[in-house]
Amino acid sequence: MEITPVNLNWKETYKLLVGSILPRPIAFVTTVDRNGIVNAAPFSFFTAISADPMLICFSPMRKGTDGSKKDTLANIETTKEFVINIVSEDFVDQMNICAADYPSNMDELEAAGLTKAESSIVNPPRVKESKVHFECLLQEVLHFGDKAGAGSLVIGKVVHVHIAEDLYEGGRINSAGLNPIGRMAGHIYTKPMTDIFELIRKNEPPAPKRENGT
């Protein structure tokens, strides 16, 4: 199969992306607008960038209806602050409620029955049910188009981290205790900690093959 993206519409290329780049971690992002109304939404285009400075990023796509900016992106551009809450299995249903397209003046955390917790540095609240939170100041935002199917790259500088005490062991996070959820294609999610294996990175590359036994 050979595919040239320019010959497809954005929904078709989106399916290629989400069906191939698997599994994807979920950034459950909380923001506030200029009036202090809280917004919460999950995004699966999410990863780390660097440790020093500590930078993480996620990509909110434009709305598929009219290409307008989602509330999360609009709020971050206005306030320059946000919190990324890591999603564990025990509140995945409530997170899914927040994925709906609510009016801008509606508080998704209240709609989902989730609890707000005060952040240490930024104004947006944390999701108390989450076990790891990254408080971020906006480092940079890059826009790639302004129509349905387009997206933006939001880069945040982590200024404070909250970790549940029972997860933090010797400077590392107990991943099994975190029990994170990953996103697959369509409506499918995955539990990464249910079937894992260890693969030790080799210190040296393999020796090159020699011809004729020499």
C-alpha atoms as a PDB file:
ATOM      1  CA  MET A   1       0.000   0.000   0.000  1.00  0.00           C
ATOM      2  CA  GLU A   2       1.377   3.383  -1.015  1.00  0.00           C
ATOM      3  CA  ILE A   3      -0.353   6.549   0.174  1.00  0.00           C
ATOM      4  CA  THR A   4       0.320  10.215  -0.616  1.00  0.00           C
ATOM      5  CA  PRO A   5      -1.230  12.379   2.148  1.00  0.00           C
ATOM      6  CA  VAL A   6      -2.134  15.290  -0.151  1.00  0.00           C
ATOM      7  CA  ASN A   7      -4.570  12.972  -1.942  1.00  0.00           C
ATOM      8  CA  LEU A   8      -6.566  12.356   1.252  1.00  0.00           C
ATOM      9  CA  ASN A   9      -8.854  14.550   3.315  1.00  0.00           C
ATOM     10  CA  TRP A  10      -7.881  15.381   6.894  1.00  0.00           C
ATOM     11  CA  LYS A  11     -10.131  12.739   8.460  1.00  0.00           C
ATOM     12  CA  GLU A  12      -8.418  10.036   6.411  1.00  0.00           C
ATOM     13  CA  THR A  13      -4.907  11.190   7.343  1.00  0.00           C
ATOM     14  CA  TYR A  14      -6.003  11.501  10.993  1.00  0.00           C
ATOM     15  CA  LYS A  15      -7.009   7.825  10.970  1.00  0.00           C
ATOM     16  CA  LEU A  16      -3.581   6.892   9.603  1.00  0.00           C
ATOM     17  CA  LEU A  17      -1.887   8.787  12.440  1.00  0.00           C
ATOM     18  CA  VAL A  18      -3.983   7.505  15.349  1.00  0.00           C
ATOM     19  CA  GLY A  19      -4.028   3.963  13.979  1.00  0.00           C
ATOM     20  CA  SER A  20      -0.231   3.798  13.704  1.00  0.00           C
ATOM     21  CA  ILE A  21       1.250   5.903  16.515  1.00  0.00           C
ATOM     22  CA  LEU A  22       0.265   3.626  19.389  1.00  0.00           C
ATOM     23  CA  PRO A  23      -0.238   3.627  22.291  1.00  0.00           C
ATOM     24  CA  ARG A  24      -0.399   7.335  23.084  1.00  0.00           C
ATOM     25  CA  PRO A  25      -0.265   8.799  26.618  1.00  0.00           C
ATOM     26  CA  ILE A  26      -3.037  11.177  27.585  1.00  0.00           C
ATOM     27  CA  ALA A  27      -2.531  14.769  28.695  1.00  0.00           C
ATOM     28  CA  PHE A  28      -5.561  15.741  30.779  1.00  0.00           C
ATOM     29  CA  VAL A  29      -5.159  19.519  30.568  1.00  0.00           C
ATOM     30  CA  THR A  30      -6.755  22.001  32.950  1.00  0.00           C
ATOM     31  CA  THR A  31      -6.891  25.713  32.139  1.00  0.00           C
ATOM     32  CA  VAL A  32      -8.903  28.781  33.139  1.00  0.00           C
ATOM     33  CA  ASP A  33     -10.272  31.520  30.924  1.00  0.00           C
ATOM     34  CA  ARG A  34     -10.011  35.268  31.540  1.00  0.00           C
ATOM     35  CA  ASN A  35     -13.135  35.050  33.743  1.00  0.00           C
ATOM     36  CA  GLY A  36     -11.768  32.232  35.889  1.00  0.00           C
ATOM     37  CA  ILE A  37     -13.965  29.480  34.412  1.00  0.00           C
ATOM     38  CA  VAL A  38     -12.159  26.130  34.514  1.00  0.00           C
ATOM     39  CA  ASN A  39     -11.768  23.989  31.394  1.00  0.00           C
ATOM     40  CA  ALA A  40     -10.577  20.376  31.376  1.00  0.00           C
ATOM     41  CA  ALA A  41      -9.930  18.290  28.273  1.00  0.00           C
ATOM     42  CA  PRO A  42      -7.866  15.197  27.316  1.00  0.00           C
ATOM     43  CA  PHE A  43      -5.360  15.167  24.450  1.00  0.00           C
ATOM     44  CA  SER A  44      -3.488  12.112  23.189  1.00  0.00           C
ATOM     45  CA  PHE A  45      -0.983  13.960  21.001  1.00  0.00           C
ATOM     46  CA  PHE A  46       1.307  14.372  24.023  1.00  0.00           C
ATOM     47  CA  THR A  47       4.970  13.795  24.898  1.00  0.00           C
ATOM     48  CA  ALA A  48       8.092  15.089  26.668  1.00  0.00           C
ATOM     49  CA  ILE A  49      10.689  17.289  24.955  1.00  0.00           C
ATOM     50  CA  SER A  50      13.646  17.755  27.310  1.00  0.00           C
ATOM     51  CA  ALA A  51      14.735  17.381  30.945  1.00  0.00           C
ATOM     52  CA  ASP A  52      16.772  20.593  31.256  1.00  0.00           C
ATOM     53  CA  PRO A  53      14.854  22.756  30.740  1.00  0.00           C
ATOM     54  CA  MET A  54      11.947  20.515  31.713  1.00  0.00           C
ATOM     55  CA  LEU A  55       9.642  20.873  28.712  1.00  0.00           C
ATOM     56  CA  ILE A  56       6.559  18.909  27.719  1.00  0.00           C
ATOM     57  CA  CYS A  57       4.133  19.409  24.842  1.00  0.00           C
ATOM     58  CA  PHE A  58       0.753  18.474  23.505  1.00  0.00           C
ATOM     59  CA  SER A  59      -1.091  19.213  20.273  1.00  0.00           C
ATOM     60  CA  PRO A  60      -4.708  20.358  20.254  1.00  0.00           C
ATOM     61  CA  MET A  61      -6.256  20.030  16.804  1.00  0.00           C
ATOM     62  CA  ARG A  62      -8.707  22.612  15.484  1.00  0.00           C
ATOM     63  CA  LYS A  63     -12.400  21.800  15.816  1.00  0.00           C
ATOM     64  CA  GLY A  64     -13.609  19.529  13.049  1.00  0.00           C
ATOM     65  CA  THR A  65     -16.778  21.549  12.589  1.00  0.00           C
ATOM     66  CA  ASP A  66     -15.419  24.983  11.699  1.00  0.00           C
ATOM     67  CA  GLY A  67     -11.654  24.988  12.316  1.00  0.00           C
ATOM     68  CA  SER A  68     -11.939  27.226  15.373  1.00  0.00           C
ATOM     69  CA  LYS A  69      -9.606  26.937  18.353  1.00  0.00           C
ATOM     70  CA  LYS A  70     -10.564  24.661  21.206  1.00  0.00           C
ATOM     71  CA  ASP A  71     -11.130  26.283  24.603  1.00  0.00           C
ATOM     72  CA  THR A  72      -7.926  24.771  25.996  1.00  0.00           C
ATOM     73  CA  LEU A  73      -5.775  26.445  23.360  1.00  0.00           C
ATOM     74  CA  ALA A  74      -7.609  29.774  23.597  1.00  0.00           C
ATOM     75  CA  ASN A  75      -7.228  29.789  27.392  1.00  0.00           C
ATOM     76  CA  ILE A  76      -3.510  29.006  27.271  1.00  0.00           C
ATOM     77  CA  GLU A  77      -2.858  31.752  24.747  1.00  0.00           C
ATOM     78  CA  THR A  78      -4.675  34.174  27.053  1.00  0.00           C
ATOM     79  CA  THR A  79      -3.296  33.184  30.477  1.00  0.00           C
ATOM     80  CA  LYS A  80       0.031  31.481  29.518  1.00  0.00           C
ATOM     81  CA  GLU A  81      -0.597  28.762  32.144  1.00  0.00           C
ATOM     82  CA  PHE A  82      -1.913  25.207  32.300  1.00  0.00           C
ATOM     83  CA  VAL A  83      -1.670  21.938  34.225  1.00  0.00           C
ATOM     84  CA  ILE A  84      -1.205  18.493  32.702  1.00  0.00           C
ATOM     85  CA  ASN A  85      -2.748  15.782  34.863  1.00  0.00           C
ATOM     86  CA  ILE A  86      -1.750  12.176  34.157  1.00  0.00           C
ATOM     87  CA  VAL A  87      -4.720   9.843  33.704  1.00  0.00           C
ATOM     88  CA  SER A  88      -4.952   6.661  35.770  1.00  0.00           C
ATOM     89  CA  GLU A  89      -7.466   3.880  35.237  1.00  0.00           C
ATOM     90  CA  ASP A  90      -9.522   4.703  38.317  1.00  0.00           C
ATOM     91  CA  PHE A  91     -10.917   7.948  36.859  1.00  0.00           C
ATOM     92  CA  VAL A  92     -10.827   7.224  33.132  1.00  0.00           C
ATOM     93  CA  ASP A  93     -14.637   7.357  32.848  1.00  0.00           C
ATOM     94  CA  GLN A  94     -14.728  10.878  34.306  1.00  0.00           C
ATOM     95  CA  MET A  95     -11.926  11.943  31.952  1.00  0.00           C
ATOM     96  CA  ASN A  96     -14.001  10.670  29.045  1.00  0.00           C
ATOM     97  CA  ILE A  97     -16.915  12.859  30.115  1.00  0.00           C
ATOM     98  CA  CYS A  98     -14.612  15.879  29.801  1.00  0.00           C
ATOM     99  CA  ALA A  99     -13.811  14.951  26.189  1.00  0.00           C
ATOM    100  CA  ALA A 100     -17.239  16.121  25.029  1.00  0.00           C
ATOM    101  CA  ASP A 101     -17.589  19.492  23.305  1.00  0.00           C
ATOM    102  CA  TYR A 102     -19.137  21.602  26.076  1.00  0.00           C
ATOM    103  CA  PRO A 103     -19.968  25.319  25.875  1.00  0.00           C
ATOM    104  CA  SER A 104     -17.071  27.585  26.832  1.00  0.00           C
ATOM    105  CA  ASN A 105     -18.804  28.740  30.009  1.00  0.00           C
ATOM    106  CA  MET A 106     -19.226  25.220  31.397  1.00  0.00           C
ATOM    107  CA  ASP A 107     -16.848  23.694  33.961  1.00  0.00           C
ATOM    108  CA  GLU A 108     -16.017  20.176  32.742  1.00  0.00           C
ATOM    109  CA  LEU A 109     -14.622  19.064  36.095  1.00  0.00           C
ATOM    110  CA  GLU A 110     -17.944  19.812  37.760  1.00  0.00           C
ATOM    111  CA  ALA A 111     -19.814  18.033  34.955  1.00  0.00           C
ATOM    112  CA  ALA A 112     -17.637  14.944  35.418  1.00  0.00           C
ATOM    113  CA  GLY A 113     -17.732  14.971  39.220  1.00  0.00           C
ATOM    114  CA  LEU A 114     -13.979  15.456  39.512  1.00  0.00           C
ATOM    115  CA  THR A 115     -12.324  17.400  42.308  1.00  0.00           C
ATOM    116  CA  LYS A 116     -10.293  20.580  41.944  1.00  0.00           C
ATOM    117  CA  ALA A 117      -7.049  20.928  43.903  1.00  0.00           C
ATOM    118  CA  GLU A 118      -5.147  24.189  44.210  1.00  0.00           C
ATOM    119  CA  SER A 119      -1.920  24.437  42.244  1.00  0.00           C
ATOM    120  CA  SER A 120       1.284  25.748  43.845  1.00  0.00           C
ATOM    121  CA  ILE A 121       2.415  28.244  41.184  1.00  0.00           C
ATOM    122  CA  VAL A 122      -0.084  28.532  38.334  1.00  0.00           C
ATOM    123  CA  ASN A 123      -3.735  29.559  38.538  1.00  0.00           C
ATOM    124  CA  PRO A 124      -5.444  26.608  36.821  1.00  0.00           C
ATOM    125  CA  PRO A 125      -6.400  23.903  39.329  1.00  0.00           C
ATOM    126  CA  ARG A 126      -5.104  20.380  39.400  1.00  0.00           C
ATOM    127  CA  VAL A 127      -7.366  17.335  39.158  1.00  0.00           C
ATOM    128  CA  LYS A 128      -7.196  15.850  42.641  1.00  0.00           C
ATOM    129  CA  GLU A 129      -7.932  12.325  41.397  1.00  0.00           C
ATOM    130  CA  SER A 130      -4.754  12.374  39.300  1.00  0.00           C
ATOM    131  CA  LYS A 131      -1.561  11.039  40.912  1.00  0.00           C
ATOM    132  CA  VAL A 132       0.908  13.151  38.897  1.00  0.00           C
ATOM    133  CA  HIS A 133       0.491  16.803  37.908  1.00  0.00           C
ATOM    134  CA  PHE A 134       2.765  19.073  35.890  1.00  0.00           C
ATOM    135  CA  GLU A 135       2.201  22.790  36.447  1.00  0.00           C
ATOM    136  CA  CYS A 136       3.304  24.597  33.294  1.00  0.00           C
ATOM    137  CA  LEU A 137       3.987  28.084  32.008  1.00  0.00           C
ATOM    138  CA  LEU A 138       3.631  28.527  28.271  1.00  0.00           C
ATOM    139  CA  GLN A 139       7.029  28.343  26.611  1.00  0.00           C
ATOM    140  CA  GLU A 140       5.877  28.585  23.024  1.00  0.00           C
ATOM    141  CA  VAL A 141       2.921  27.757  20.815  1.00  0.00           C
ATOM    142  CA  LEU A 142       3.220  26.997  17.109  1.00  0.00           C
ATOM    143  CA  HIS A 143       0.242  26.950  14.749  1.00  0.00           C
ATOM    144  CA  PHE A 144       0.010  24.732  11.671  1.00  0.00           C
ATOM    145  CA  GLY A 145      -2.998  25.881   9.670  1.00  0.00           C
ATOM    146  CA  ASP A 146      -6.302  27.376  10.740  1.00  0.00           C
ATOM    147  CA  LYS A 147      -8.946  25.021   9.353  1.00  0.00           C
ATOM    148  CA  ALA A 148     -10.500  21.712  10.362  1.00  0.00           C
ATOM    149  CA  GLY A 149      -7.749  19.101  10.649  1.00  0.00           C
ATOM    150  CA  ALA A 150      -5.056  21.671  11.436  1.00  0.00           C
ATOM    151  CA  GLY A 151      -3.322  21.734  14.794  1.00  0.00           C
ATOM    152  CA  SER A 152      -1.045  23.586  17.171  1.00  0.00           C
ATOM    153  CA  LEU A 153       1.953  22.552  19.225  1.00  0.00           C
ATOM    154  CA  VAL A 154       1.778  23.828  22.798  1.00  0.00           C
ATOM    155  CA  ILE A 155       5.119  23.681  24.626  1.00  0.00           C
ATOM    156  CA  GLY A 156       5.043  24.107  28.373  1.00  0.00           C
ATOM    157  CA  LYS A 157       7.871  24.702  30.833  1.00  0.00           C
ATOM    158  CA  VAL A 158       7.251  22.624  33.940  1.00  0.00           C
ATOM    159  CA  VAL A 159       7.571  24.851  36.999  1.00  0.00           C
ATOM    160  CA  HIS A 160       6.182  22.490  39.639  1.00  0.00           C
ATOM    161  CA  VAL A 161       5.421  18.763  39.895  1.00  0.00           C
ATOM    162  CA  HIS A 162       3.030  16.994  42.268  1.00  0.00           C
ATOM    163  CA  ILE A 163       3.421  13.239  42.799  1.00  0.00           C
ATOM    164  CA  ALA A 164       1.423  10.992  45.108  1.00  0.00           C
ATOM    165  CA  GLU A 165       3.736  10.028  47.961  1.00  0.00           C
ATOM    166  CA  ASP A 166       3.147   6.294  47.588  1.00  0.00           C
ATOM    167  CA  LEU A 167       4.375   6.463  43.968  1.00  0.00           C
ATOM    168  CA  TYR A 168       7.709   8.183  44.554  1.00  0.00           C
ATOM    169  CA  GLU A 169      10.462   5.686  45.285  1.00  0.00           C
ATOM    170  CA  GLY A 170      14.147   6.601  45.219  1.00  0.00           C
ATOM    171  CA  GLY A 171      13.680   9.422  42.733  1.00  0.00           C
ATOM    172  CA  ARG A 172      11.537   7.319  40.397  1.00  0.00           C
ATOM    173  CA  ILE A 173       7.805   6.953  39.861  1.00  0.00           C
ATOM    174  CA  ASN A 174       6.274   3.532  40.433  1.00  0.00           C
ATOM    175  CA  SER A 175       4.578   3.032  37.076  1.00  0.00           C
ATOM    176  CA  ALA A 176       2.494   0.084  38.274  1.00  0.00           C
ATOM    177  CA  GLY A 177       1.076   2.227  41.060  1.00  0.00           C
ATOM    178  CA  LEU A 178       0.369   5.051  38.637  1.00  0.00           C
ATOM    179  CA  ASN A 179      -1.534   2.594  36.411  1.00  0.00           C
ATOM    180  CA  PRO A 180      -1.771   4.998  33.448  1.00  0.00           C
ATOM    181  CA  ILE A 181      -4.157   4.689  30.527  1.00  0.00           C
ATOM    182  CA  GLY A 182      -3.129   4.956  26.868  1.00  0.00           C
ATOM    183  CA  ARG A 183      -5.136   5.896  23.798  1.00  0.00           C
ATOM    184  CA  MET A 184      -5.456   3.676  20.752  1.00  0.00           C
ATOM    185  CA  ALA A 185      -7.533   4.337  17.613  1.00  0.00           C
ATOM    186  CA  GLY A 186     -11.229   5.136  17.651  1.00  0.00           C
ATOM    187  CA  HIS A 187     -12.862   4.496  21.020  1.00  0.00           C
ATOM    188  CA  ILE A 188     -10.208   1.995  22.138  1.00  0.00           C
ATOM    189  CA  TYR A 189      -7.926   2.567  25.141  1.00  0.00           C
ATOM    190  CA  THR A 190      -5.216   0.391  26.640  1.00  0.00           C
ATOM    191  CA  LYS A 191      -3.808  -0.491  30.063  1.00  0.00           C
ATOM    192  CA  PRO A 192      -0.023  -0.430  29.475  1.00  0.00           C
ATOM    193  CA  MET A 193       0.888  -2.041  32.820  1.00  0.00           C
ATOM    194  CA  THR A 194      -1.045  -5.288  32.247  1.00  0.00           C
ATOM    195  CA  ASP A 195       1.459  -6.836  29.832  1.00  0.00           C
ATOM    196  CA  ILE A 196       4.981  -5.432  30.049  1.00  0.00           C
ATOM    197  CA  PHE A 197       8.498  -6.736  29.458  1.00  0.00           C
ATOM    198  CA  GLU A 198      12.032  -5.539  30.074  1.00  0.00           C
ATOM    199  CA  LEU A 199      14.537  -4.950  27.281  1.00  0.00           C
ATOM    200  CA  ILE A 200      18.017  -3.918  28.396  1.00  0.00           C
ATOM    201  CA  ARG A 201      19.772  -1.486  26.078  1.00  0.00           C
ATOM    202  CA  LYS A 202      23.112  -2.854  24.881  1.00  0.00           C
ATOM    203  CA  ASN A 203      26.238  -0.856  25.699  1.00  0.00           C
ATOM    204  CA  GLU A 204      27.930  -1.548  22.379  1.00  0.00           C
ATOM    205  CA  PRO A 205      26.617  -1.998  18.835  1.00  0.00           C
ATOM    206  CA  PRO A 206      26.954  -5.481  17.352  1.00  0.00           C
ATOM    207  CA  ALA A 207      30.166  -6.225  15.475  1.00  0.00           C
ATOM    208  CA  PRO A 208      29.872  -5.892  11.673  1.00  0.00           C
ATOM    209  CA  LYS A 209      29.403  -9.097   9.729  1.00  0.00           C
ATOM    210  CA  ARG A 210      32.474 -10.401   7.922  1.00  0.00           C
ATOM    211  CA  GLU A 211      32.428 -12.030   4.545  1.00  0.00           C
ATOM    212  CA  ASN A 212      34.110 -15.379   3.739  1.00  0.00           C
ATOM    213  CA  GLY A 213      34.892 -15.970   7.389  1.00  0.00           C
ATOM    214  CA  THR A 214      37.549 -13.197   7.519  1.00  0.00           C
END
